[in-house]
Amino acid sequence: MTNVNLVETLTVDSTAISEVAYYPNVERLFVLFKNGKEYEYLSVPAHIMNGLRDAPSKGKFLNKYVLAFYRFKKV
């Protein structure tokens, strides 16, 4: 049985982002910004999380590869 509660969290060193959490089994990416707002991005494939994890600038990666491409909702 697959665990849908499996999550990868990253505390990031960013001027805008505090933390990200990724649920691979449901392809959901949660981003907590330093201003206190949190967003859930839907249908985000694992390779995007891999890229975010490895990116030298998390904010630039998020802007370039996530914000314009994936539906989201405020949490």
PDB file of N, CA and C in Angstrom:
ATOM      1  N   MET A   1       0.840  -1.180   0.000  1.00  0.00           N
ATOM      2  CA  MET A   1       0.000   0.000   0.000  1.00  0.00           C
ATOM      3  C   MET A   1       0.890   1.250   0.000  1.00  0.00           C
ATOM      4  N   THR A   2       0.548   2.219  -0.805  1.00  0.00           N
ATOM      5  CA  THR A   2       1.313   3.454  -0.898  1.00  0.00           C
ATOM      6  C   THR A   2       0.869   4.422   0.196  1.00  0.00           C
ATOM      7  N   ASN A   3       1.835   5.058   0.820  1.00  0.00           N
ATOM      8  CA  ASN A   3       1.544   6.012   1.891  1.00  0.00           C
ATOM      9  C   ASN A   3       1.332   7.403   1.296  1.00  0.00           C
ATOM     10  N   VAL A   4       0.094   7.877   1.239  1.00  0.00           N
ATOM     11  CA  VAL A   4      -0.189   9.200   0.669  1.00  0.00           C
ATOM     12  C   VAL A   4       0.252  10.313   1.603  1.00  0.00           C
ATOM     13  N   ASN A   5       0.610   9.976   2.841  1.00  0.00           N
ATOM     14  CA  ASN A   5       1.062  10.982   3.778  1.00  0.00           C
ATOM     15  C   ASN A   5       2.572  11.201   3.727  1.00  0.00           C
ATOM     16  N   LEU A   6       3.277  10.442   2.902  1.00  0.00           N
ATOM     17  CA  LEU A   6       4.708  10.613   2.740  1.00  0.00           C
ATOM     18  C   LEU A   6       4.986  12.033   2.274  1.00  0.00           C
ATOM     19  N   VAL A   7       5.921  12.693   2.925  1.00  0.00           N
ATOM     20  CA  VAL A   7       6.191  14.079   2.582  1.00  0.00           C
ATOM     21  C   VAL A   7       7.681  14.354   2.681  1.00  0.00           C
ATOM     22  N   GLU A   8       8.149  15.204   1.803  1.00  0.00           N
ATOM     23  CA  GLU A   8       9.510  15.714   1.874  1.00  0.00           C
ATOM     24  C   GLU A   8       9.406  17.195   2.195  1.00  0.00           C
ATOM     25  N   THR A   9      10.066  17.624   3.243  1.00  0.00           N
ATOM     26  CA  THR A   9      10.064  19.041   3.586  1.00  0.00           C
ATOM     27  C   THR A   9      11.474  19.596   3.493  1.00  0.00           C
ATOM     28  N   LEU A  10      11.549  20.849   3.091  1.00  0.00           N
ATOM     29  CA  LEU A  10      12.823  21.548   3.006  1.00  0.00           C
ATOM     30  C   LEU A  10      12.686  22.907   3.669  1.00  0.00           C
ATOM     31  N   THR A  11      13.571  23.190   4.598  1.00  0.00           N
ATOM     32  CA  THR A  11      13.692  24.551   5.099  1.00  0.00           C
ATOM     33  C   THR A  11      14.747  25.180   4.201  1.00  0.00           C
ATOM     34  N   VAL A  12      14.401  26.275   3.572  1.00  0.00           N
ATOM     35  CA  VAL A  12      15.292  26.832   2.554  1.00  0.00           C
ATOM     36  C   VAL A  12      15.904  28.154   2.991  1.00  0.00           C
ATOM     37  N   ASP A  13      17.047  28.435   2.421  1.00  0.00           N
ATOM     38  CA  ASP A  13      17.726  29.704   2.652  1.00  0.00           C
ATOM     39  C   ASP A  13      17.324  30.624   1.498  1.00  0.00           C
ATOM     40  N   SER A  14      16.301  31.412   1.728  1.00  0.00           N
ATOM     41  CA  SER A  14      15.734  32.261   0.681  1.00  0.00           C
ATOM     42  C   SER A  14      15.223  33.552   1.304  1.00  0.00           C
ATOM     43  N   THR A  15      15.241  34.612   0.536  1.00  0.00           N
ATOM     44  CA  THR A  15      14.711  35.876   1.047  1.00  0.00           C
ATOM     45  C   THR A  15      13.191  35.881   1.060  1.00  0.00           C
ATOM     46  N   ALA A  16      12.557  35.037   0.267  1.00  0.00           N
ATOM     47  CA  ALA A  16      11.096  35.048   0.160  1.00  0.00           C
ATOM     48  C   ALA A  16      10.418  33.786   0.688  1.00  0.00           C
ATOM     49  N   ILE A  17      11.114  32.659   0.689  1.00  0.00           N
ATOM     50  CA  ILE A  17      10.511  31.366   1.017  1.00  0.00           C
ATOM     51  C   ILE A  17      11.061  30.844   2.342  1.00  0.00           C
ATOM     52  N   SER A  18      10.156  30.383   3.209  1.00  0.00           N
ATOM     53  CA  SER A  18      10.573  29.790   4.483  1.00  0.00           C
ATOM     54  C   SER A  18      10.743  28.285   4.376  1.00  0.00           C
ATOM     55  N   GLU A  19       9.752  27.634   3.742  1.00  0.00           N
ATOM     56  CA  GLU A  19       9.745  26.175   3.731  1.00  0.00           C
ATOM     57  C   GLU A  19       8.919  25.676   2.554  1.00  0.00           C
ATOM     58  N   VAL A  20       9.287  24.503   2.058  1.00  0.00           N
ATOM     59  CA  VAL A  20       8.477  23.829   1.045  1.00  0.00           C
ATOM     60  C   VAL A  20       8.232  22.401   1.513  1.00  0.00           C
ATOM     61  N   ALA A  21       7.099  21.863   1.129  1.00  0.00           N
ATOM     62  CA  ALA A  21       6.760  20.473   1.425  1.00  0.00           C
ATOM     63  C   ALA A  21       6.183  19.861   0.159  1.00  0.00           C
ATOM     64  N   TYR A  22       6.591  18.638  -0.124  1.00  0.00           N
ATOM     65  CA  TYR A  22       6.131  17.965  -1.329  1.00  0.00           C
ATOM     66  C   TYR A  22       5.574  16.590  -0.976  1.00  0.00           C
ATOM     67  N   TYR A  23       4.381  16.312  -1.478  1.00  0.00           N
ATOM     68  CA  TYR A  23       3.717  15.022  -1.316  1.00  0.00           C
ATOM     69  C   TYR A  23       3.758  14.313  -2.668  1.00  0.00           C
ATOM     70  N   PRO A  24       4.720  13.422  -2.883  1.00  0.00           N
ATOM     71  CA  PRO A  24       4.904  12.829  -4.212  1.00  0.00           C
ATOM     72  C   PRO A  24       3.744  11.968  -4.693  1.00  0.00           C
ATOM     73  N   ASN A  25       3.070  11.296  -3.785  1.00  0.00           N
ATOM     74  CA  ASN A  25       2.005  10.386  -4.219  1.00  0.00           C
ATOM     75  C   ASN A  25       0.769  11.105  -4.719  1.00  0.00           C
ATOM     76  N   VAL A  26       0.609  12.366  -4.339  1.00  0.00           N
ATOM     77  CA  VAL A  26      -0.526  13.158  -4.825  1.00  0.00           C
ATOM     78  C   VAL A  26      -0.060  14.379  -5.612  1.00  0.00           C
ATOM     79  N   GLU A  27       1.254  14.472  -5.819  1.00  0.00           N
ATOM     80  CA  GLU A  27       1.876  15.551  -6.604  1.00  0.00           C
ATOM     81  C   GLU A  27       1.435  16.941  -6.136  1.00  0.00           C
ATOM     82  N   ARG A  28       1.567  17.183  -4.840  1.00  0.00           N
ATOM     83  CA  ARG A  28       1.212  18.483  -4.266  1.00  0.00           C
ATOM     84  C   ARG A  28       2.454  19.128  -3.671  1.00  0.00           C
ATOM     85  N   LEU A  29       2.659  20.375  -4.001  1.00  0.00           N
ATOM     86  CA  LEU A  29       3.773  21.159  -3.483  1.00  0.00           C
ATOM     87  C   LEU A  29       3.201  22.301  -2.654  1.00  0.00           C
ATOM     88  N   PHE A  30       3.610  22.385  -1.405  1.00  0.00           N
ATOM     89  CA  PHE A  30       3.195  23.468  -0.517  1.00  0.00           C
ATOM     90  C   PHE A  30       4.381  24.393  -0.314  1.00  0.00           C
ATOM     91  N   VAL A  31       4.123  25.685  -0.430  1.00  0.00           N
ATOM     92  CA  VAL A  31       5.186  26.671  -0.241  1.00  0.00           C
ATOM     93  C   VAL A  31       4.733  27.661   0.820  1.00  0.00           C
ATOM     94  N   LEU A  32       5.553  27.798   1.862  1.00  0.00           N
ATOM     95  CA  LEU A  32       5.319  28.779   2.914  1.00  0.00           C
ATOM     96  C   LEU A  32       6.283  29.931   2.681  1.00  0.00           C
ATOM     97  N   PHE A  33       5.716  31.099   2.457  1.00  0.00           N
ATOM     98  CA  PHE A  33       6.529  32.282   2.209  1.00  0.00           C
ATOM     99  C   PHE A  33       6.819  32.996   3.525  1.00  0.00           C
ATOM    100  N   LYS A  34       7.869  33.778   3.536  1.00  0.00           N
ATOM    101  CA  LYS A  34       8.264  34.487   4.759  1.00  0.00           C
ATOM    102  C   LYS A  34       7.239  35.516   5.203  1.00  0.00           C
ATOM    103  N   ASN A  35       6.356  35.942   4.294  1.00  0.00           N
ATOM    104  CA  ASN A  35       5.302  36.885   4.671  1.00  0.00           C
ATOM    105  C   ASN A  35       4.132  36.181   5.361  1.00  0.00           C
ATOM    106  N   GLY A  36       4.261  34.848   5.560  1.00  0.00           N
ATOM    107  CA  GLY A  36       3.241  34.079   6.259  1.00  0.00           C
ATOM    108  C   GLY A  36       2.202  33.427   5.361  1.00  0.00           C
ATOM    109  N   LYS A  37       2.204  33.749   4.081  1.00  0.00           N
ATOM    110  CA  LYS A  37       1.237  33.144   3.163  1.00  0.00           C
ATOM    111  C   LYS A  37       1.721  31.770   2.720  1.00  0.00           C
ATOM    112  N   GLU A  38       0.744  30.844   2.570  1.00  0.00           N
ATOM    113  CA  GLU A  38       1.068  29.495   2.126  1.00  0.00           C
ATOM    114  C   GLU A  38       0.185  29.130   0.936  1.00  0.00           C
ATOM    115  N   TYR A  39       0.809  28.503  -0.059  1.00  0.00           N
ATOM    116  CA  TYR A  39       0.098  28.106  -1.259  1.00  0.00           C
ATOM    117  C   TYR A  39       0.328  26.629  -1.530  1.00  0.00           C
ATOM    118  N   GLU A  40      -0.690  25.996  -2.079  1.00  0.00           N
ATOM    119  CA  GLU A  40      -0.623  24.603  -2.504  1.00  0.00           C
ATOM    120  C   GLU A  40      -0.666  24.581  -4.025  1.00  0.00           C
ATOM    121  N   TYR A  41       0.353  23.996  -4.627  1.00  0.00           N
ATOM    122  CA  TYR A  41       0.431  23.868  -6.080  1.00  0.00           C
ATOM    123  C   TYR A  41       0.050  22.446  -6.452  1.00  0.00           C
ATOM    124  N   LEU A  42      -0.812  22.310  -7.440  1.00  0.00           N
ATOM    125  CA  LEU A  42      -1.428  21.035  -7.797  1.00  0.00           C
ATOM    126  C   LEU A  42      -0.765  20.389  -9.001  1.00  0.00           C
ATOM    127  N   SER A  43      -0.732  19.068  -9.012  1.00  0.00           N
ATOM    128  CA  SER A  43      -0.215  18.263 -10.137  1.00  0.00           C
ATOM    129  C   SER A  43       1.231  18.596 -10.478  1.00  0.00           C
ATOM    130  N   VAL A  44       2.050  18.767  -9.457  1.00  0.00           N
ATOM    131  CA  VAL A  44       3.465  19.085  -9.651  1.00  0.00           C
ATOM    132  C   VAL A  44       4.249  17.772  -9.676  1.00  0.00           C
ATOM    133  N   PRO A  45       4.886  17.447 -10.810  1.00  0.00           N
ATOM    134  CA  PRO A  45       5.623  16.186 -10.892  1.00  0.00           C
ATOM    135  C   PRO A  45       6.898  16.202 -10.032  1.00  0.00           C
ATOM    136  N   ALA A  46       7.357  15.018  -9.702  1.00  0.00           N
ATOM    137  CA  ALA A  46       8.519  14.867  -8.812  1.00  0.00           C
ATOM    138  C   ALA A  46       9.767  15.554  -9.356  1.00  0.00           C
ATOM    139  N   HIS A  47       9.950  15.579 -10.675  1.00  0.00           N
ATOM    140  CA  HIS A  47      11.171  16.194 -11.202  1.00  0.00           C
ATOM    141  C   HIS A  47      11.224  17.698 -10.903  1.00  0.00           C
ATOM    142  N   ILE A  48      10.078  18.329 -10.723  1.00  0.00           N
ATOM    143  CA  ILE A  48      10.060  19.743 -10.352  1.00  0.00           C
ATOM    144  C   ILE A  48      10.561  19.908  -8.915  1.00  0.00           C
ATOM    145  N   MET A  49      10.124  19.032  -8.015  1.00  0.00           N
ATOM    146  CA  MET A  49      10.630  19.086  -6.641  1.00  0.00           C
ATOM    147  C   MET A  49      12.125  18.801  -6.605  1.00  0.00           C
ATOM    148  N   ASN A  50      12.568  17.859  -7.421  1.00  0.00           N
ATOM    149  CA  ASN A  50      14.003  17.563  -7.493  1.00  0.00           C
ATOM    150  C   ASN A  50      14.780  18.797  -7.934  1.00  0.00           C
ATOM    151  N   GLY A  51      14.270  19.487  -8.930  1.00  0.00           N
ATOM    152  CA  GLY A  51      14.915  20.701  -9.409  1.00  0.00           C
ATOM    153  C   GLY A  51      14.921  21.793  -8.356  1.00  0.00           C
ATOM    154  N   LEU A  52      13.819  21.937  -7.651  1.00  0.00           N
ATOM    155  CA  LEU A  52      13.731  22.939  -6.582  1.00  0.00           C
ATOM    156  C   LEU A  52      14.734  22.620  -5.480  1.00  0.00           C
ATOM    157  N   ARG A  53      14.801  21.363  -5.097  1.00  0.00           N
ATOM    158  CA  ARG A  53      15.732  20.946  -4.044  1.00  0.00           C
ATOM    159  C   ARG A  53      17.173  21.277  -4.427  1.00  0.00           C
ATOM    160  N   ASP A  54      17.527  21.066  -5.702  1.00  0.00           N
ATOM    161  CA  ASP A  54      18.908  21.239  -6.155  1.00  0.00           C
ATOM    162  C   ASP A  54      19.243  22.651  -6.616  1.00  0.00           C
ATOM    163  N   ALA A  55      18.245  23.492  -6.775  1.00  0.00           N
ATOM    164  CA  ALA A  55      18.471  24.840  -7.315  1.00  0.00           C
ATOM    165  C   ALA A  55      19.249  25.711  -6.326  1.00  0.00           C
ATOM    166  N   PRO A  56      20.229  26.461  -6.823  1.00  0.00           N
ATOM    167  CA  PRO A  56      20.956  27.364  -5.934  1.00  0.00           C
ATOM    168  C   PRO A  56      20.063  28.495  -5.408  1.00  0.00           C
ATOM    169  N   SER A  57      19.110  28.928  -6.219  1.00  0.00           N
ATOM    170  CA  SER A  57      18.158  29.957  -5.793  1.00  0.00           C
ATOM    171  C   SER A  57      16.757  29.370  -5.866  1.00  0.00           C
ATOM    172  N   LYS A  58      16.176  29.087  -4.711  1.00  0.00           N
ATOM    173  CA  LYS A  58      14.845  28.485  -4.660  1.00  0.00           C
ATOM    174  C   LYS A  58      13.789  29.437  -5.222  1.00  0.00           C
ATOM    175  N   GLY A  59      13.903  30.715  -4.907  1.00  0.00           N
ATOM    176  CA  GLY A  59      12.946  31.707  -5.389  1.00  0.00           C
ATOM    177  C   GLY A  59      12.953  31.837  -6.900  1.00  0.00           C
ATOM    178  N   LYS A  60      14.141  31.883  -7.494  1.00  0.00           N
ATOM    179  CA  LYS A  60      14.237  31.986  -8.955  1.00  0.00           C
ATOM    180  C   LYS A  60      13.666  30.741  -9.618  1.00  0.00           C
ATOM    181  N   PHE A  61      13.965  29.564  -9.039  1.00  0.00           N
ATOM    182  CA  PHE A  61      13.432  28.328  -9.602  1.00  0.00           C
ATOM    183  C   PHE A  61      11.915  28.317  -9.520  1.00  0.00           C
ATOM    184  N   LEU A  62      11.387  28.689  -8.376  1.00  0.00           N
ATOM    185  CA  LEU A  62       9.936  28.717  -8.195  1.00  0.00           C
ATOM    186  C   LEU A  62       9.283  29.664  -9.200  1.00  0.00           C
ATOM    187  N   ASN A  63       9.852  30.837  -9.364  1.00  0.00           N
ATOM    188  CA  ASN A  63       9.312  31.811 -10.323  1.00  0.00           C
ATOM    189  C   ASN A  63       9.349  31.282 -11.753  1.00  0.00           C
ATOM    190  N   LYS A  64      10.444  30.636 -12.122  1.00  0.00           N
ATOM    191  CA  LYS A  64      10.625  30.212 -13.512  1.00  0.00           C
ATOM    192  C   LYS A  64       9.871  28.932 -13.874  1.00  0.00           C
ATOM    193  N   TYR A  65       9.780  27.980 -12.927  1.00  0.00           N
ATOM    194  CA  TYR A  65       9.262  26.659 -13.282  1.00  0.00           C
ATOM    195  C   TYR A  65       7.955  26.255 -12.602  1.00  0.00           C
ATOM    196  N   VAL A  66       7.489  27.026 -11.634  1.00  0.00           N
ATOM    197  CA  VAL A  66       6.287  26.612 -10.906  1.00  0.00           C
ATOM    198  C   VAL A  66       5.147  27.618 -11.034  1.00  0.00           C
ATOM    199  N   LEU A  67       5.389  28.858 -10.698  1.00  0.00           N
ATOM    200  CA  LEU A  67       4.309  29.839 -10.564  1.00  0.00           C
ATOM    201  C   LEU A  67       3.449  30.004 -11.808  1.00  0.00           C
ATOM    202  N   ALA A  68       4.047  29.998 -12.960  1.00  0.00           N
ATOM    203  CA  ALA A  68       3.284  30.224 -14.190  1.00  0.00           C
ATOM    204  C   ALA A  68       2.705  28.944 -14.794  1.00  0.00           C
ATOM    205  N   PHE A  69       3.061  27.792 -14.238  1.00  0.00           N
ATOM    206  CA  PHE A  69       2.699  26.535 -14.894  1.00  0.00           C
ATOM    207  C   PHE A  69       1.711  25.652 -14.138  1.00  0.00           C
ATOM    208  N   TYR A  70       1.593  25.837 -12.836  1.00  0.00           N
ATOM    209  CA  TYR A  70       0.760  24.937 -12.055  1.00  0.00           C
ATOM    210  C   TYR A  70      -0.357  25.685 -11.341  1.00  0.00           C
ATOM    211  N   ARG A  71      -1.541  25.074 -11.348  1.00  0.00           N
ATOM    212  CA  ARG A  71      -2.669  25.656 -10.623  1.00  0.00           C
ATOM    213  C   ARG A  71      -2.339  25.660  -9.146  1.00  0.00           C
ATOM    214  N   PHE A  72      -2.906  26.620  -8.439  1.00  0.00           N
ATOM    215  CA  PHE A  72      -2.612  26.726  -7.008  1.00  0.00           C
ATOM    216  C   PHE A  72      -3.825  27.215  -6.265  1.00  0.00           C
ATOM    217  N   LYS A  73      -3.766  27.067  -4.956  1.00  0.00           N
ATOM    218  CA  LYS A  73      -4.774  27.665  -4.097  1.00  0.00           C
ATOM    219  C   LYS A  73      -4.083  28.103  -2.816  1.00  0.00           C
ATOM    220  N   LYS A  74      -4.607  29.167  -2.242  1.00  0.00           N
ATOM    221  CA  LYS A  74      -4.065  29.661  -0.987  1.00  0.00           C
ATOM    222  C   LYS A  74      -4.554  28.736   0.134  1.00  0.00           C
ATOM    223  N   VAL A  75      -3.648  28.395   1.035  1.00  0.00           N
ATOM    224  CA  VAL A  75      -3.971  27.498   2.144  1.00  0.00           C
ATOM    225  C   VAL A  75      -4.399  28.311   3.350  1.00  0.00           C
TER     226      VAL A  75
END
